[in-house]
Amino acid sequence: MGTLHIPCVNKCEKQLICGHKCQQKCSQECLCKENCVNECIHNHCNKLCNKNCISCIKPCEIGCEHRRCLKDCYEIFICKSFNIIMLNIIKIDIVKLNNKTKR
């Protein structure tokens, strides 16, 4: 005799790789429908988290008085899930660079 499986109707609320909580029903595939939080110093993404961001092709701003990054801005990010960590590091480095140039 077979059994009928009734799908769960509660919210999933798992932590997604983007940092948001899943808002889908527990029985559905986890798919973030929140606004993307990725940004660089030139622009911010205006898409949903589950869509690919448009890559920033402006020159990277990371550097110091001795050396500048020669990559395009988007090349410093390895993958979307790594962006938030890298963005925080970059903001700190840019603040340090700006403070050095103001002296």
PDB file of N, CA and C in Angstrom:
ATOM      1  N   MET A   1       0.837  -1.161   0.000  1.00  0.00           N
ATOM      2  CA  MET A   1       0.000   0.000   0.000  1.00  0.00           C
ATOM      3  C   MET A   1       0.897   1.245   0.000  1.00  0.00           C
ATOM      4  N   GLY A   2       0.636   2.187  -0.906  1.00  0.00           N
ATOM      5  CA  GLY A   2       1.422   3.406  -0.994  1.00  0.00           C
ATOM      6  C   GLY A   2       0.957   4.458  -0.008  1.00  0.00           C
ATOM      7  N   THR A   3       1.800   5.448   0.214  1.00  0.00           N
ATOM      8  CA  THR A   3       1.427   6.548   1.103  1.00  0.00           C
ATOM      9  C   THR A   3       1.437   7.841   0.310  1.00  0.00           C
ATOM     10  N   LEU A   4       0.600   8.753   0.685  1.00  0.00           N
ATOM     11  CA  LEU A   4       0.518  10.062   0.051  1.00  0.00           C
ATOM     12  C   LEU A   4       1.341  11.038   0.890  1.00  0.00           C
ATOM     13  N   HIS A   5       2.354  11.641   0.271  1.00  0.00           N
ATOM     14  CA  HIS A   5       3.184  12.620   0.981  1.00  0.00           C
ATOM     15  C   HIS A   5       2.602  14.003   0.770  1.00  0.00           C
ATOM     16  N   ILE A   6       2.257  14.666   1.837  1.00  0.00           N
ATOM     17  CA  ILE A   6       1.704  16.016   1.769  1.00  0.00           C
ATOM     18  C   ILE A   6       2.857  17.001   1.944  1.00  0.00           C
ATOM     19  N   PRO A   7       3.062  17.900   0.957  1.00  0.00           N
ATOM     20  CA  PRO A   7       4.181  18.846   1.042  1.00  0.00           C
ATOM     21  C   PRO A   7       4.028  19.797   2.231  1.00  0.00           C
ATOM     22  N   CYS A   8       5.145  20.128   2.831  1.00  0.00           N
ATOM     23  CA  CYS A   8       5.173  21.078   3.958  1.00  0.00           C
ATOM     24  C   CYS A   8       4.834  22.474   3.437  1.00  0.00           C
ATOM     25  N   VAL A   9       4.012  23.206   4.163  1.00  0.00           N
ATOM     26  CA  VAL A   9       3.604  24.552   3.741  1.00  0.00           C
ATOM     27  C   VAL A   9       4.261  25.657   4.575  1.00  0.00           C
ATOM     28  N   ASN A  10       5.110  25.284   5.537  1.00  0.00           N
ATOM     29  CA  ASN A  10       5.810  26.278   6.360  1.00  0.00           C
ATOM     30  C   ASN A  10       6.935  26.929   5.567  1.00  0.00           C
ATOM     31  N   LYS A  11       7.331  28.138   5.988  1.00  0.00           N
ATOM     32  CA  LYS A  11       8.467  28.809   5.359  1.00  0.00           C
ATOM     33  C   LYS A  11       9.746  28.057   5.697  1.00  0.00           C
ATOM     34  N   CYS A  12      10.648  27.990   4.741  1.00  0.00           N
ATOM     35  CA  CYS A  12      11.918  27.285   4.909  1.00  0.00           C
ATOM     36  C   CYS A  12      12.829  28.015   5.902  1.00  0.00           C
ATOM     37  N   GLU A  13      13.110  29.283   5.654  1.00  0.00           N
ATOM     38  CA  GLU A  13      13.940  30.163   6.482  1.00  0.00           C
ATOM     39  C   GLU A  13      15.388  29.711   6.666  1.00  0.00           C
ATOM     40  N   LYS A  14      15.895  28.859   5.758  1.00  0.00           N
ATOM     41  CA  LYS A  14      17.316  28.491   5.799  1.00  0.00           C
ATOM     42  C   LYS A  14      18.138  29.711   5.400  1.00  0.00           C
ATOM     43  N   GLN A  15      19.353  29.806   5.943  1.00  0.00           N
ATOM     44  CA  GLN A  15      20.282  30.865   5.565  1.00  0.00           C
ATOM     45  C   GLN A  15      20.844  30.523   4.186  1.00  0.00           C
ATOM     46  N   LEU A  16      20.646  31.388   3.213  1.00  0.00           N
ATOM     47  CA  LEU A  16      21.147  31.160   1.863  1.00  0.00           C
ATOM     48  C   LEU A  16      22.569  31.680   1.726  1.00  0.00           C
ATOM     49  N   ILE A  17      23.251  31.276   0.679  1.00  0.00           N
ATOM     50  CA  ILE A  17      24.645  31.658   0.459  1.00  0.00           C
ATOM     51  C   ILE A  17      24.799  33.181   0.293  1.00  0.00           C
ATOM     52  N   CYS A  18      23.725  33.851  -0.138  1.00  0.00           N
ATOM     53  CA  CYS A  18      23.752  35.308  -0.324  1.00  0.00           C
ATOM     54  C   CYS A  18      23.602  36.059   1.000  1.00  0.00           C
ATOM     55  N   GLY A  19      23.212  35.338   2.063  1.00  0.00           N
ATOM     56  CA  GLY A  19      23.030  35.976   3.357  1.00  0.00           C
ATOM     57  C   GLY A  19      21.579  36.183   3.737  1.00  0.00           C
ATOM     58  N   HIS A  20      20.680  36.121   2.769  1.00  0.00           N
ATOM     59  CA  HIS A  20      19.258  36.251   3.054  1.00  0.00           C
ATOM     60  C   HIS A  20      18.693  34.929   3.553  1.00  0.00           C
ATOM     61  N   LYS A  21      17.513  34.979   4.144  1.00  0.00           N
ATOM     62  CA  LYS A  21      16.815  33.754   4.547  1.00  0.00           C
ATOM     63  C   LYS A  21      15.854  33.351   3.442  1.00  0.00           C
ATOM     64  N   CYS A  22      15.744  32.040   3.216  1.00  0.00           N
ATOM     65  CA  CYS A  22      14.827  31.519   2.210  1.00  0.00           C
ATOM     66  C   CYS A  22      13.389  31.826   2.630  1.00  0.00           C
ATOM     67  N   GLN A  23      12.620  32.369   1.702  1.00  0.00           N
ATOM     68  CA  GLN A  23      11.220  32.695   1.964  1.00  0.00           C
ATOM     69  C   GLN A  23      10.262  31.722   1.275  1.00  0.00           C
ATOM     70  N   GLN A  24      10.828  30.716   0.597  1.00  0.00           N
ATOM     71  CA  GLN A  24      10.012  29.722  -0.078  1.00  0.00           C
ATOM     72  C   GLN A  24       9.370  28.785   0.947  1.00  0.00           C
ATOM     73  N   LYS A  25       8.375  28.039   0.507  1.00  0.00           N
ATOM     74  CA  LYS A  25       7.812  26.997   1.361  1.00  0.00           C
ATOM     75  C   LYS A  25       8.861  25.900   1.513  1.00  0.00           C
ATOM     76  N   CYS A  26       8.812  25.218   2.638  1.00  0.00           N
ATOM     77  CA  CYS A  26       9.793  24.192   2.964  1.00  0.00           C
ATOM     78  C   CYS A  26       9.890  23.116   1.879  1.00  0.00           C
ATOM     79  N   SER A  27       8.816  22.836   1.205  1.00  0.00           N
ATOM     80  CA  SER A  27       8.787  21.782   0.188  1.00  0.00           C
ATOM     81  C   SER A  27       9.281  22.265  -1.179  1.00  0.00           C
ATOM     82  N   GLN A  28       9.594  23.562  -1.316  1.00  0.00           N
ATOM     83  CA  GLN A  28      10.040  24.122  -2.590  1.00  0.00           C
ATOM     84  C   GLN A  28      11.545  24.309  -2.605  1.00  0.00           C
ATOM     85  N   GLU A  29      12.086  24.497  -3.795  1.00  0.00           N
ATOM     86  CA  GLU A  29      13.515  24.750  -3.960  1.00  0.00           C
ATOM     87  C   GLU A  29      13.857  26.116  -3.358  1.00  0.00           C
ATOM     88  N   CYS A  30      14.963  26.180  -2.637  1.00  0.00           N
ATOM     89  CA  CYS A  30      15.413  27.460  -2.069  1.00  0.00           C
ATOM     90  C   CYS A  30      15.880  28.357  -3.205  1.00  0.00           C
ATOM     91  N   LEU A  31      15.262  29.529  -3.315  1.00  0.00           N
ATOM     92  CA  LEU A  31      15.583  30.476  -4.362  1.00  0.00           C
ATOM     93  C   LEU A  31      15.374  31.872  -3.782  1.00  0.00           C
ATOM     94  N   CYS A  32      16.425  32.644  -3.688  1.00  0.00           N
ATOM     95  CA  CYS A  32      16.320  33.963  -3.075  1.00  0.00           C
ATOM     96  C   CYS A  32      15.583  34.921  -4.008  1.00  0.00           C
ATOM     97  N   LYS A  33      14.593  35.606  -3.460  1.00  0.00           N
ATOM     98  CA  LYS A  33      13.823  36.594  -4.224  1.00  0.00           C
ATOM     99  C   LYS A  33      14.008  37.992  -3.650  1.00  0.00           C
ATOM    100  N   GLU A  34      15.041  38.151  -2.809  1.00  0.00           N
ATOM    101  CA  GLU A  34      15.358  39.460  -2.236  1.00  0.00           C
ATOM    102  C   GLU A  34      16.195  40.259  -3.238  1.00  0.00           C
ATOM    103  N   ASN A  35      16.328  41.564  -2.999  1.00  0.00           N
ATOM    104  CA  ASN A  35      17.193  42.394  -3.831  1.00  0.00           C
ATOM    105  C   ASN A  35      18.643  42.040  -3.574  1.00  0.00           C
ATOM    106  N   CYS A  36      19.440  42.021  -4.623  1.00  0.00           N
ATOM    107  CA  CYS A  36      20.860  41.705  -4.530  1.00  0.00           C
ATOM    108  C   CYS A  36      21.568  42.790  -3.714  1.00  0.00           C
ATOM    109  N   VAL A  37      22.537  42.386  -2.912  1.00  0.00           N
ATOM    110  CA  VAL A  37      23.285  43.339  -2.086  1.00  0.00           C
ATOM    111  C   VAL A  37      24.679  43.611  -2.646  1.00  0.00           C
ATOM    112  N   ASN A  38      25.010  43.026  -3.791  1.00  0.00           N
ATOM    113  CA  ASN A  38      26.337  43.226  -4.369  1.00  0.00           C
ATOM    114  C   ASN A  38      26.489  44.651  -4.885  1.00  0.00           C
ATOM    115  N   GLU A  39      27.653  45.204  -4.601  1.00  0.00           N
ATOM    116  CA  GLU A  39      27.965  46.539  -5.093  1.00  0.00           C
ATOM    117  C   GLU A  39      29.465  46.705  -5.160  1.00  0.00           C
ATOM    118  N   CYS A  40      29.880  47.671  -5.916  1.00  0.00           N
ATOM    119  CA  CYS A  40      31.283  48.075  -5.940  1.00  0.00           C
ATOM    120  C   CYS A  40      31.291  49.591  -5.736  1.00  0.00           C
ATOM    121  N   ILE A  41      32.447  50.198  -5.784  1.00  0.00           N
ATOM    122  CA  ILE A  41      32.480  51.644  -5.552  1.00  0.00           C
ATOM    123  C   ILE A  41      31.883  52.423  -6.727  1.00  0.00           C
ATOM    124  N   HIS A  42      31.697  51.758  -7.868  1.00  0.00           N
ATOM    125  CA  HIS A  42      31.154  52.421  -9.041  1.00  0.00           C
ATOM    126  C   HIS A  42      29.642  52.312  -9.156  1.00  0.00           C
ATOM    127  N   ASN A  43      29.073  51.231  -8.644  1.00  0.00           N
ATOM    128  CA  ASN A  43      27.666  50.961  -8.887  1.00  0.00           C
ATOM    129  C   ASN A  43      27.144  49.920  -7.903  1.00  0.00           C
ATOM    130  N   HIS A  44      25.845  49.680  -7.921  1.00  0.00           N
ATOM    131  CA  HIS A  44      25.262  48.585  -7.139  1.00  0.00           C
ATOM    132  C   HIS A  44      24.310  47.804  -8.045  1.00  0.00           C
ATOM    133  N   CYS A  45      24.146  46.536  -7.721  1.00  0.00           N
ATOM    134  CA  CYS A  45      23.286  45.666  -8.525  1.00  0.00           C
ATOM    135  C   CYS A  45      21.824  45.966  -8.194  1.00  0.00           C
ATOM    136  N   ASN A  46      21.003  46.069  -9.212  1.00  0.00           N
ATOM    137  CA  ASN A  46      19.579  46.334  -8.986  1.00  0.00           C
ATOM    138  C   ASN A  46      18.713  45.130  -9.368  1.00  0.00           C
ATOM    139  N   LYS A  47      19.350  43.959  -9.439  1.00  0.00           N
ATOM    140  CA  LYS A  47      18.622  42.740  -9.782  1.00  0.00           C
ATOM    141  C   LYS A  47      18.263  41.967  -8.514  1.00  0.00           C
ATOM    142  N   LEU A  48      17.514  40.897  -8.685  1.00  0.00           N
ATOM    143  CA  LEU A  48      17.237  39.997  -7.570  1.00  0.00           C
ATOM    144  C   LEU A  48      18.447  39.111  -7.348  1.00  0.00           C
ATOM    145  N   CYS A  49      18.588  38.598  -6.125  1.00  0.00           N
ATOM    146  CA  CYS A  49      19.724  37.750  -5.765  1.00  0.00           C
ATOM    147  C   CYS A  49      19.872  36.531  -6.674  1.00  0.00           C
ATOM    148  N   ASN A  50      18.768  35.992  -7.157  1.00  0.00           N
ATOM    149  CA  ASN A  50      18.852  34.765  -7.945  1.00  0.00           C
ATOM    150  C   ASN A  50      19.200  35.024  -9.418  1.00  0.00           C
ATOM    151  N   LYS A  51      19.452  36.263  -9.770  1.00  0.00           N
ATOM    152  CA  LYS A  51      19.847  36.627 -11.142  1.00  0.00           C
ATOM    153  C   LYS A  51      21.322  37.005 -11.152  1.00  0.00           C
ATOM    154  N   ASN A  52      21.976  36.810 -12.295  1.00  0.00           N
ATOM    155  CA  ASN A  52      23.382  37.183 -12.412  1.00  0.00           C
ATOM    156  C   ASN A  52      23.533  38.698 -12.439  1.00  0.00           C
ATOM    157  N   CYS A  53      24.516  39.184 -11.713  1.00  0.00           N
ATOM    158  CA  CYS A  53      24.808  40.619 -11.696  1.00  0.00           C
ATOM    159  C   CYS A  53      25.461  41.028 -13.015  1.00  0.00           C
ATOM    160  N   ILE A  54      25.321  42.299 -13.353  1.00  0.00           N
ATOM    161  CA  ILE A  54      26.045  42.845 -14.492  1.00  0.00           C
ATOM    162  C   ILE A  54      27.440  43.204 -13.995  1.00  0.00           C
ATOM    163  N   SER A  55      28.454  42.721 -14.694  1.00  0.00           N
ATOM    164  CA  SER A  55      29.841  42.937 -14.259  1.00  0.00           C
ATOM    165  C   SER A  55      30.278  44.378 -14.495  1.00  0.00           C
ATOM    166  N   CYS A  56      30.920  44.962 -13.497  1.00  0.00           N
ATOM    167  CA  CYS A  56      31.473  46.316 -13.623  1.00  0.00           C
ATOM    168  C   CYS A  56      32.787  46.234 -14.394  1.00  0.00           C
ATOM    169  N   ILE A  57      32.871  46.937 -15.509  1.00  0.00           N
ATOM    170  CA  ILE A  57      34.079  46.867 -16.335  1.00  0.00           C
ATOM    171  C   ILE A  57      34.980  48.098 -16.160  1.00  0.00           C
ATOM    172  N   LYS A  58      34.671  48.906 -15.161  1.00  0.00           N
ATOM    173  CA  LYS A  58      35.546  50.044 -14.873  1.00  0.00           C
ATOM    174  C   LYS A  58      36.816  49.525 -14.206  1.00  0.00           C
ATOM    175  N   PRO A  59      37.904  50.297 -14.282  1.00  0.00           N
ATOM    176  CA  PRO A  59      39.160  49.846 -13.660  1.00  0.00           C
ATOM    177  C   PRO A  59      39.020  49.705 -12.144  1.00  0.00           C
ATOM    178  N   CYS A  60      39.693  48.704 -11.605  1.00  0.00           N
ATOM    179  CA  CYS A  60      39.696  48.487 -10.167  1.00  0.00           C
ATOM    180  C   CYS A  60      40.366  49.671  -9.477  1.00  0.00           C
ATOM    181  N   GLU A  61      39.842  50.064  -8.326  1.00  0.00           N
ATOM    182  CA  GLU A  61      40.347  51.221  -7.592  1.00  0.00           C
ATOM    183  C   GLU A  61      41.311  50.841  -6.462  1.00  0.00           C
ATOM    184  N   ILE A  62      41.565  49.547  -6.284  1.00  0.00           N
ATOM    185  CA  ILE A  62      42.428  49.110  -5.184  1.00  0.00           C
ATOM    186  C   ILE A  62      43.880  49.410  -5.514  1.00  0.00           C
ATOM    187  N   GLY A  63      44.582  49.938  -4.550  1.00  0.00           N
ATOM    188  CA  GLY A  63      45.991  50.209  -4.743  1.00  0.00           C
ATOM    189  C   GLY A  63      46.533  51.106  -3.649  1.00  0.00           C
ATOM    190  N   CYS A  64      47.780  51.434  -3.785  1.00  0.00           N
ATOM    191  CA  CYS A  64      48.437  52.352  -2.848  1.00  0.00           C
ATOM    192  C   CYS A  64      49.350  53.247  -3.675  1.00  0.00           C
ATOM    193  N   GLU A  65      50.193  54.027  -3.014  1.00  0.00           N
ATOM    194  CA  GLU A  65      51.068  54.918  -3.777  1.00  0.00           C
ATOM    195  C   GLU A  65      52.138  54.155  -4.558  1.00  0.00           C
ATOM    196  N   HIS A  66      52.353  52.870  -4.231  1.00  0.00           N
ATOM    197  CA  HIS A  66      53.385  52.074  -4.889  1.00  0.00           C
ATOM    198  C   HIS A  66      52.851  51.197  -6.016  1.00  0.00           C
ATOM    199  N   ARG A  67      51.590  50.860  -5.915  1.00  0.00           N
ATOM    200  CA  ARG A  67      51.064  49.871  -6.846  1.00  0.00           C
ATOM    201  C   ARG A  67      49.552  50.006  -7.017  1.00  0.00           C
ATOM    202  N   ARG A  68      49.062  49.785  -8.238  1.00  0.00           N
ATOM    203  CA  ARG A  68      47.623  49.807  -8.515  1.00  0.00           C
ATOM    204  C   ARG A  68      47.217  48.467  -9.113  1.00  0.00           C
ATOM    205  N   CYS A  69      45.991  48.087  -8.861  1.00  0.00           N
ATOM    206  CA  CYS A  69      45.431  46.880  -9.467  1.00  0.00           C
ATOM    207  C   CYS A  69      45.177  47.168 -10.940  1.00  0.00           C
ATOM    208  N   LEU A  70      45.537  46.243 -11.812  1.00  0.00           N
ATOM    209  CA  LEU A  70      45.377  46.435 -13.252  1.00  0.00           C
ATOM    210  C   LEU A  70      44.159  45.699 -13.804  1.00  0.00           C
ATOM    211  N   LYS A  71      43.367  45.116 -12.936  1.00  0.00           N
ATOM    212  CA  LYS A  71      42.200  44.362 -13.375  1.00  0.00           C
ATOM    213  C   LYS A  71      40.984  45.274 -13.478  1.00  0.00           C
ATOM    214  N   ASP A  72      39.957  44.780 -14.179  1.00  0.00           N
ATOM    215  CA  ASP A  72      38.667  45.461 -14.158  1.00  0.00           C
ATOM    216  C   ASP A  72      38.016  45.187 -12.814  1.00  0.00           C
ATOM    217  N   CYS A  73      37.112  46.046 -12.410  1.00  0.00           N
ATOM    218  CA  CYS A  73      36.481  45.949 -11.098  1.00  0.00           C
ATOM    219  C   CYS A  73      35.881  44.565 -10.839  1.00  0.00           C
ATOM    220  N   TYR A  74      35.154  44.000 -11.815  1.00  0.00           N
ATOM    221  CA  TYR A  74      34.481  42.720 -11.594  1.00  0.00           C
ATOM    222  C   TYR A  74      35.464  41.557 -11.404  1.00  0.00           C
ATOM    223  N   GLU A  75      36.694  41.698 -11.877  1.00  0.00           N
ATOM    224  CA  GLU A  75      37.662  40.607 -11.807  1.00  0.00           C
ATOM    225  C   GLU A  75      38.168  40.326 -10.391  1.00  0.00           C
ATOM    226  N   ILE A  76      37.950  41.252  -9.465  1.00  0.00           N
ATOM    227  CA  ILE A  76      38.425  41.019  -8.108  1.00  0.00           C
ATOM    228  C   ILE A  76      37.500  40.089  -7.331  1.00  0.00           C
ATOM    229  N   PHE A  77      36.303  39.851  -7.851  1.00  0.00           N
ATOM    230  CA  PHE A  77      35.353  38.962  -7.184  1.00  0.00           C
ATOM    231  C   PHE A  77      35.435  37.578  -7.795  1.00  0.00           C
ATOM    232  N   ILE A  78      35.665  36.572  -6.967  1.00  0.00           N
ATOM    233  CA  ILE A  78      35.792  35.205  -7.453  1.00  0.00           C
ATOM    234  C   ILE A  78      34.432  34.610  -7.768  1.00  0.00           C
ATOM    235  N   CYS A  79      33.466  34.803  -6.893  1.00  0.00           N
ATOM    236  CA  CYS A  79      32.117  34.313  -7.134  1.00  0.00           C
ATOM    237  C   CYS A  79      31.143  35.152  -6.322  1.00  0.00           C
ATOM    238  N   LYS A  80      29.875  35.047  -6.649  1.00  0.00           N
ATOM    239  CA  LYS A  80      28.860  35.882  -6.016  1.00  0.00           C
ATOM    240  C   LYS A  80      28.832  35.720  -4.501  1.00  0.00           C
ATOM    241  N   SER A  81      29.012  34.503  -4.016  1.00  0.00           N
ATOM    242  CA  SER A  81      28.960  34.278  -2.571  1.00  0.00           C
ATOM    243  C   SER A  81      30.152  34.907  -1.851  1.00  0.00           C
ATOM    244  N   PHE A  82      31.228  35.162  -2.556  1.00  0.00           N
ATOM    245  CA  PHE A  82      32.442  35.732  -1.977  1.00  0.00           C
ATOM    246  C   PHE A  82      32.390  37.260  -1.998  1.00  0.00           C
ATOM    247  N   ASN A  83      31.461  37.819  -2.778  1.00  0.00           N
ATOM    248  CA  ASN A  83      31.391  39.270  -2.969  1.00  0.00           C
ATOM    249  C   ASN A  83      31.248  40.058  -1.677  1.00  0.00           C
ATOM    250  N   ILE A  84      30.392  39.610  -0.783  1.00  0.00           N
ATOM    251  CA  ILE A  84      30.123  40.370   0.434  1.00  0.00           C
ATOM    252  C   ILE A  84      31.397  40.495   1.271  1.00  0.00           C
ATOM    253  N   ILE A  85      32.143  39.406   1.395  1.00  0.00           N
ATOM    254  CA  ILE A  85      33.398  39.429   2.156  1.00  0.00           C
ATOM    255  C   ILE A  85      34.393  40.357   1.473  1.00  0.00           C
ATOM    256  N   MET A  86      34.557  40.200   0.147  1.00  0.00           N
ATOM    257  CA  MET A  86      35.509  41.027  -0.584  1.00  0.00           C
ATOM    258  C   MET A  86      35.109  42.493  -0.544  1.00  0.00           C
ATOM    259  N   LEU A  87      33.841  42.768  -0.646  1.00  0.00           N
ATOM    260  CA  LEU A  87      33.363  44.146  -0.630  1.00  0.00           C
ATOM    261  C   LEU A  87      33.747  44.831   0.671  1.00  0.00           C
ATOM    262  N   ASN A  88      33.584  44.153   1.786  1.00  0.00           N
ATOM    263  CA  ASN A  88      33.952  44.730   3.079  1.00  0.00           C
ATOM    264  C   ASN A  88      35.450  44.972   3.163  1.00  0.00           C
ATOM    265  N   ILE A  89      36.245  44.048   2.660  1.00  0.00           N
ATOM    266  CA  ILE A  89      37.708  44.227   2.656  1.00  0.00           C
ATOM    267  C   ILE A  89      38.086  45.411   1.782  1.00  0.00           C
ATOM    268  N   ILE A  90      37.457  45.507   0.607  1.00  0.00           N
ATOM    269  CA  ILE A  90      37.759  46.594  -0.326  1.00  0.00           C
ATOM    270  C   ILE A  90      37.388  47.944   0.275  1.00  0.00           C
ATOM    271  N   LYS A  91      36.222  48.034   0.909  1.00  0.00           N
ATOM    272  CA  LYS A  91      35.818  49.296   1.528  1.00  0.00           C
ATOM    273  C   LYS A  91      36.829  49.733   2.579  1.00  0.00           C
ATOM    274  N   ILE A  92      37.304  48.787   3.384  1.00  0.00           N
ATOM    275  CA  ILE A  92      38.307  49.103   4.407  1.00  0.00           C
ATOM    276  C   ILE A  92      39.585  49.592   3.750  1.00  0.00           C
ATOM    277  N   ASP A  93      40.047  48.883   2.685  1.00  0.00           N
ATOM    278  CA  ASP A  93      41.271  49.281   1.990  1.00  0.00           C
ATOM    279  C   ASP A  93      41.123  50.661   1.342  1.00  0.00           C
ATOM    280  N   ILE A  94      39.962  50.949   0.769  1.00  0.00           N
ATOM    281  CA  ILE A  94      39.749  52.245   0.119  1.00  0.00           C
ATOM    282  C   ILE A  94      39.733  53.365   1.159  1.00  0.00           C
ATOM    283  N   VAL A  95      39.126  53.127   2.302  1.00  0.00           N
ATOM    284  CA  VAL A  95      39.127  54.122   3.378  1.00  0.00           C
ATOM    285  C   VAL A  95      40.558  54.382   3.827  1.00  0.00           C
ATOM    286  N   LYS A  96      41.348  53.322   4.003  1.00  0.00           N
ATOM    287  CA  LYS A  96      42.758  53.480   4.394  1.00  0.00           C
ATOM    288  C   LYS A  96      43.520  54.276   3.340  1.00  0.00           C
ATOM    289  N   LEU A  97      43.290  53.944   2.049  1.00  0.00           N
ATOM    290  CA  LEU A  97      43.960  54.645   0.954  1.00  0.00           C
ATOM    291  C   LEU A  97      43.566  56.117   0.939  1.00  0.00           C
ATOM    292  N   ASN A  98      42.293  56.413   1.112  1.00  0.00           N
ATOM    293  CA  ASN A  98      41.827  57.802   1.129  1.00  0.00           C
ATOM    294  C   ASN A  98      42.416  58.564   2.310  1.00  0.00           C
ATOM    295  N   ASN A  99      42.526  57.915   3.473  1.00  0.00           N
ATOM    296  CA  ASN A  99      43.105  58.568   4.642  1.00  0.00           C
ATOM    297  C   ASN A  99      44.590  58.874   4.419  1.00  0.00           C
ATOM    298  N   LYS A 100      45.319  57.973   3.722  1.00  0.00           N
ATOM    299  CA  LYS A 100      46.734  58.212   3.447  1.00  0.00           C
ATOM    300  C   LYS A 100      46.908  59.396   2.486  1.00  0.00           C
ATOM    301  N   THR A 101      46.022  59.472   1.469  1.00  0.00           N
ATOM    302  CA  THR A 101      46.164  60.537   0.485  1.00  0.00           C
ATOM    303  C   THR A 101      45.761  61.895   1.023  1.00  0.00           C
ATOM    304  N   LYS A 102      44.961  61.927   2.082  1.00  0.00           N
ATOM    305  CA  LYS A 102      44.527  63.193   2.694  1.00  0.00           C
ATOM    306  C   LYS A 102      45.632  63.810   3.555  1.00  0.00           C
ATOM    307  N   ARG A 103      46.578  62.995   3.979  1.00  0.00           N
ATOM    308  CA  ARG A 103      47.655  63.489   4.865  1.00  0.00           C
ATOM    309  C   ARG A 103      48.641  64.348   4.161  1.00  0.00           C
TER     310      ARG A 103
END
